[in-house]
Protein backbone atom coordinates (compact mmCIF):
# COMPACT_ATOMS: atom_id res chain seq x y z
CA MET A 1 31.79 -34.54 9.08
CA ASP A 2 35.39 -34.29 7.94
CA HIS A 3 38.09 -34.37 10.64
CA VAL A 4 41.38 -32.73 9.71
CA HIS A 5 44.54 -32.05 11.71
CA GLY A 6 48.10 -30.82 11.44
CA THR A 7 50.57 -28.40 12.97
CA PHE A 8 51.18 -24.68 12.60
CA ASP A 9 53.93 -22.35 13.76
CA GLY A 10 53.01 -20.50 16.93
CA ALA A 11 54.96 -17.70 18.59
CA GLY A 12 58.70 -18.23 18.23
CA GLY A 13 58.12 -20.90 15.58
CA LEU A 14 56.93 -23.63 18.00
CA ALA A 15 54.97 -26.27 16.05
CA LEU A 16 51.53 -26.55 17.70
CA PHE A 17 48.94 -29.26 17.10
CA TRP A 18 45.59 -28.25 15.57
CA GLN A 19 42.49 -30.12 14.45
CA GLY A 20 39.21 -29.27 12.77
CA TRP A 21 35.73 -30.65 12.15
CA LEU A 22 34.05 -29.52 8.94
CA PRO A 23 30.64 -29.94 7.33
CA ASP A 24 30.34 -31.48 3.87
CA GLU A 25 29.61 -28.07 2.31
CA PRO A 26 31.74 -24.92 2.75
CA PRO A 27 31.17 -23.70 6.33
CA ARG A 28 28.81 -20.81 7.06
CA THR A 29 31.07 -19.57 9.84
CA VAL A 30 34.27 -20.87 11.42
CA VAL A 31 34.53 -21.23 15.21
CA LEU A 32 37.98 -21.50 16.78
CA ILE A 33 38.28 -23.21 20.18
CA VAL A 34 40.75 -21.70 22.66
CA HIS A 35 40.78 -24.25 25.49
CA GLY A 36 41.45 -24.03 29.23
CA VAL A 37 44.44 -24.85 31.40
CA GLY A 38 45.48 -28.49 31.69
CA GLU A 39 43.12 -29.73 28.96
CA HIS A 40 43.16 -29.82 25.14
CA SER A 41 41.16 -29.09 22.01
CA GLY A 42 39.59 -32.55 21.90
CA ARG A 43 37.37 -31.98 24.97
CA TYR A 44 34.63 -30.09 23.10
CA PRO A 45 32.54 -32.82 21.40
CA ASN A 46 29.21 -31.24 22.39
CA LEU A 47 30.19 -28.01 20.68
CA VAL A 48 31.32 -29.86 17.57
CA ALA A 49 28.16 -32.01 17.49
CA GLY A 50 25.96 -28.94 17.81
CA LEU A 51 27.69 -26.71 15.28
CA VAL A 52 28.93 -28.87 12.42
CA PRO A 53 25.53 -30.35 11.44
CA ARG A 54 24.25 -26.76 11.22
CA GLY A 55 26.93 -25.97 8.67
CA HIS A 56 29.51 -24.31 10.93
CA GLY A 57 33.16 -25.37 10.90
CA VAL A 58 35.04 -25.88 14.18
CA TYR A 59 38.79 -25.75 14.66
CA GLY A 60 40.90 -25.98 17.80
CA PHE A 61 44.55 -26.13 18.76
CA ASP A 62 46.44 -27.38 21.81
CA HIS A 63 48.25 -24.63 23.68
CA ARG A 64 52.00 -24.94 24.11
CA GLY A 65 52.65 -27.29 27.02
CA HIS A 66 49.22 -28.89 26.57
CA GLY A 67 47.71 -31.91 24.83
CA ARG A 68 49.57 -32.94 21.69
CA SER A 69 51.60 -29.74 21.46
CA PRO A 70 55.24 -29.58 22.62
CA GLY A 71 56.52 -27.53 25.53
CA ARG A 72 56.95 -27.90 29.28
CA ARG A 73 53.60 -28.89 30.78
CA GLY A 74 51.74 -25.93 32.26
CA HIS A 75 54.52 -23.44 31.59
CA VAL A 76 54.82 -20.22 29.63
CA ASP A 77 57.72 -17.77 29.74
CA SER A 78 55.41 -14.87 28.92
CA TRP A 79 51.67 -14.50 28.33
CA ARG A 80 52.66 -12.88 25.02
CA GLU A 81 53.41 -16.39 23.77
CA TYR A 82 49.78 -17.43 24.26
CA ARG A 83 48.56 -14.26 22.52
CA GLY A 84 50.98 -14.84 19.66
CA ASP A 85 49.84 -18.45 19.30
CA VAL A 86 46.18 -17.39 19.07
CA ASP A 87 47.01 -14.71 16.54
CA ALA A 88 48.94 -17.20 14.39
CA PHE A 89 46.07 -19.69 14.60
CA VAL A 90 43.43 -17.12 13.65
CA ARG A 91 45.47 -16.04 10.65
CA MET A 92 46.20 -19.62 9.59
CA ILE A 93 42.54 -20.67 9.68
CA ALA A 94 41.42 -17.45 7.98
CA ALA A 95 43.82 -18.30 5.15
CA ARG A 96 42.37 -21.84 4.93
CA GLN A 97 38.80 -20.48 4.93
CA PRO A 98 38.97 -17.23 2.93
CA GLY A 99 35.89 -15.05 3.12
CA ARG A 100 34.40 -16.92 6.11
CA ARG A 101 33.44 -15.17 9.33
CA VAL A 102 35.79 -16.30 12.10
CA VAL A 103 34.58 -16.44 15.72
CA VAL A 104 36.55 -17.61 18.76
CA PHE A 105 35.04 -19.82 21.46
CA ALA A 106 37.35 -19.38 24.43
CA HIS A 107 36.95 -21.17 27.76
CA SER A 108 38.49 -20.49 31.20
CA MET A 109 42.23 -19.90 30.71
CA GLY A 110 41.41 -19.70 27.02
CA ALA A 111 38.91 -16.95 27.84
CA LEU A 112 41.65 -15.07 29.68
CA ILE A 113 43.96 -15.43 26.68
CA ALA A 114 41.25 -14.34 24.25
CA LEU A 115 40.18 -11.33 26.32
CA ASP A 116 43.83 -10.30 26.51
CA TYR A 117 44.14 -10.77 22.73
CA LEU A 118 40.98 -8.93 21.65
CA PRO A 119 42.25 -5.35 22.14
CA THR A 120 44.80 -5.92 19.36
CA GLY A 121 43.30 -8.85 17.44
CA GLN A 122 39.54 -8.23 17.30
CA ALA A 123 39.73 -6.69 13.82
CA LEU A 124 40.46 -10.21 12.50
CA LEU A 125 37.30 -11.67 14.07
CA ALA A 126 33.55 -11.48 13.49
CA GLY A 127 32.81 -12.18 17.15
CA ALA A 128 33.84 -13.93 20.37
CA ILE A 129 32.15 -16.43 22.68
CA ILE A 130 33.68 -16.20 26.15
CA SER A 131 33.01 -19.15 28.49
CA GLY A 132 33.86 -19.43 32.19
CA ALA A 133 35.96 -16.27 32.14
CA PRO A 134 38.30 -15.88 35.15
CA ILE A 135 37.26 -12.31 35.93
CA ALA A 136 36.71 -13.38 39.55
CA PRO A 137 38.79 -16.58 40.02
CA VAL A 138 38.09 -18.29 43.33
CA GLY A 139 40.88 -18.95 45.84
CA VAL A 140 43.66 -16.99 44.14
CA GLY A 141 45.27 -13.69 44.95
CA ALA A 142 46.01 -14.29 48.64
CA PRO A 143 48.92 -11.93 49.47
CA VAL A 144 51.18 -14.64 50.88
CA LEU A 145 50.64 -16.95 47.90
CA VAL A 146 51.17 -14.12 45.43
CA ALA A 147 54.43 -13.13 47.15
CA ILE A 148 55.69 -16.72 47.05
CA ALA A 149 54.72 -17.10 43.38
CA LYS A 150 56.50 -13.86 42.45
CA ALA A 151 59.67 -14.92 44.28
CA LEU A 152 59.67 -18.35 42.64
CA SER A 153 58.92 -16.83 39.24
CA ARG A 154 62.12 -14.81 39.46
CA LEU A 155 64.36 -17.43 41.06
CA TRP A 156 62.97 -20.68 39.64
CA PRO A 157 60.37 -19.91 36.93
CA THR A 158 59.85 -23.54 35.94
CA PHE A 159 59.17 -24.68 39.53
CA VAL A 160 56.20 -27.06 39.23
CA LEU A 161 53.04 -26.48 41.28
CA ARG A 162 50.01 -28.73 41.43
CA SER A 163 47.09 -26.77 39.99
CA ARG A 164 44.77 -28.08 42.75
CA LEU A 165 41.88 -28.02 40.33
CA ASP A 166 38.70 -29.34 41.93
CA VAL A 167 37.83 -31.82 39.19
CA GLU A 168 34.37 -32.39 40.67
CA ALA A 169 33.66 -28.70 39.98
CA ILE A 170 33.97 -28.89 36.19
CA SER A 171 30.58 -30.52 35.57
CA ARG A 172 27.58 -32.07 37.30
CA ASP A 173 27.82 -34.95 34.82
CA PRO A 174 29.82 -37.78 36.47
CA ASP A 175 30.76 -39.16 33.05
CA VAL A 176 32.47 -35.87 32.16
CA VAL A 177 34.38 -35.87 35.45
CA ARG A 178 35.44 -39.49 34.99
CA ALA A 179 36.57 -38.88 31.41
CA TYR A 180 38.60 -35.89 32.55
CA ARG A 181 40.34 -37.94 35.26
CA GLU A 182 41.15 -40.74 32.80
CA ASP A 183 42.23 -38.55 29.86
CA PRO A 184 45.97 -39.09 29.24
CA LEU A 185 46.20 -35.70 27.50
CA VAL A 186 44.98 -33.83 30.60
CA HIS A 187 47.52 -32.64 33.16
CA GLY A 188 47.26 -30.94 36.55
CA VAL A 189 50.44 -28.87 36.85
CA VAL A 190 51.46 -25.27 36.29
CA THR A 191 54.72 -23.47 36.94
CA ALA A 192 55.56 -20.47 39.10
CA ARG A 193 56.05 -18.27 36.02
CA TRP A 194 52.70 -19.36 34.61
CA GLY A 195 51.08 -18.31 37.89
CA THR A 196 52.46 -14.79 37.90
CA GLU A 197 51.79 -14.34 34.18
CA ALA A 198 48.17 -15.47 34.67
CA LEU A 199 47.65 -13.04 37.57
CA ASP A 200 49.06 -10.20 35.48
CA ALA A 201 46.76 -11.16 32.61
CA VAL A 202 43.71 -11.08 34.90
CA ARG A 203 44.62 -7.55 35.97
CA ARG A 204 45.12 -6.40 32.36
CA VAL A 205 41.83 -7.88 31.22
CA ARG A 206 39.86 -6.34 34.09
CA ASN A 207 41.24 -2.92 33.15
CA ARG A 208 40.55 -3.10 29.42
CA ALA A 209 36.89 -4.09 29.08
CA GLU A 210 36.14 -0.76 27.41
CA VAL A 211 38.49 -1.60 24.52
CA ILE A 212 36.43 -4.61 23.37
CA THR A 213 34.08 -3.56 20.56
CA LEU A 214 33.25 -6.68 18.53
CA PRO A 215 30.06 -8.75 19.06
CA VAL A 216 30.55 -10.96 22.11
CA LEU A 217 28.54 -13.65 23.89
CA PHE A 218 29.47 -14.48 27.49
CA VAL A 219 28.35 -17.87 28.84
CA HIS A 220 28.95 -18.92 32.44
CA GLY A 221 27.82 -21.58 34.89
CA GLY A 222 25.74 -20.06 37.68
CA ALA A 223 27.24 -22.52 40.17
CA ASP A 224 30.83 -22.23 38.90
CA ARG A 225 33.08 -22.79 41.93
CA LEU A 226 36.30 -22.06 40.02
CA ASN A 227 35.52 -18.71 38.39
CA ALA A 228 32.66 -16.99 40.15
CA ALA A 229 29.76 -15.81 38.01
CA ALA A 230 29.09 -12.91 40.39
CA GLY A 231 32.09 -10.93 39.17
CA LEU A 232 31.18 -11.16 35.50
CA GLY A 233 28.21 -8.80 35.27
CA PRO A 234 30.07 -5.57 36.13
CA PHE A 235 32.81 -6.50 33.66
CA VAL A 236 30.31 -7.14 30.85
CA ASP A 237 28.61 -3.82 31.63
CA ARG A 238 31.92 -2.08 30.87
CA VAL A 239 32.52 -3.89 27.58
CA ALA A 240 32.08 -1.33 24.79
CA SER A 241 30.48 -3.68 22.26
CA ALA A 242 27.13 -2.54 20.93
CA ASP A 243 26.25 -6.24 20.56
CA LYS A 244 26.97 -8.05 23.82
CA THR A 245 25.05 -10.80 25.59
CA LEU A 246 25.51 -12.49 28.97
CA ARG A 247 24.02 -15.93 29.60
CA ILE A 248 24.22 -17.40 33.12
CA TYR A 249 23.05 -21.01 33.41
CA PRO A 250 21.67 -21.67 36.92
CA GLY A 251 23.13 -24.80 38.46
CA SER A 252 25.76 -25.33 35.79
CA PHE A 253 29.35 -25.81 36.93
CA HIS A 254 32.57 -24.57 35.31
CA GLU A 255 32.09 -26.13 31.85
CA PRO A 256 28.56 -25.23 30.68
CA HIS A 257 29.25 -26.89 27.31
CA ASN A 258 29.93 -30.16 29.18
CA ASP A 259 27.28 -29.88 31.90
CA LEU A 260 23.85 -31.48 32.20
CA ASP A 261 22.18 -28.66 30.25
CA HIS A 262 24.82 -28.55 27.51
CA ARG A 263 22.14 -28.84 24.81
CA THR A 264 20.61 -25.54 25.94
CA VAL A 265 24.03 -23.90 26.04
CA VAL A 266 24.99 -25.10 22.58
CA ALA A 267 21.58 -24.15 21.18
CA ASP A 268 22.08 -20.61 22.54
CA ILE A 269 25.50 -20.47 20.91
CA VAL A 270 24.09 -21.64 17.57
CA ALA A 271 21.28 -19.08 17.77
CA TRP A 272 23.75 -16.30 18.55
CA LEU A 273 26.01 -17.31 15.66
CA GLU A 274 23.16 -17.46 13.21
CA ARG A 275 21.73 -14.13 14.37
């Protein structure tokens, strides 16, 4: 496969890092990775290995404040910046691959960004794959913590908080967990403003399921301890898409594409794309 990379102008003109993996022939479809908090676009090798040999192109970019992109780590002034970055990326890749169907694969925080983007941006896409969506995030929303976050967001928006991510909960595969811990491009911090913006985004997304009309595949680990699978079904029921599918993988943790049954997950994604 051919590996390409570069930068593009995100919201406000910030130069964001992107990379892509392409088959030898023109791609059948183009899948855009929208990654989760604290990580980067290079953590999806199973997806790349499953899609590119089947003739699908894969692109990803590092969010502002993540990976190889500039910006304060784990910070965003407004969630609109994330939406604007995704929109700019979709348009940039569509221009590079004219006439190709473009599908987003969005995981965790990326799923939250994508679900917030779809009401205005879905006309540019052929479909969306939503992984580990934080419809029911675990351990957030306690009134005292929310009040503290709101106060800090106003008074000191860049105040740094440890994300307290349970790294052992991302995958049952110890090699994945070890690689995550040792990855120099991974970070474990967010800011007070990021926290309040994320909570607001969760509320918006929960209230706008009926606006989503494009084909969508939801994948989720049945044993996800970070974003509970139990809250996803009622949300998917409200999604207005005529073509919608929910796949729950029993036993899988937060990253189904990086878990022990990742081959089944990727095969399901390939089958959905090709259907």
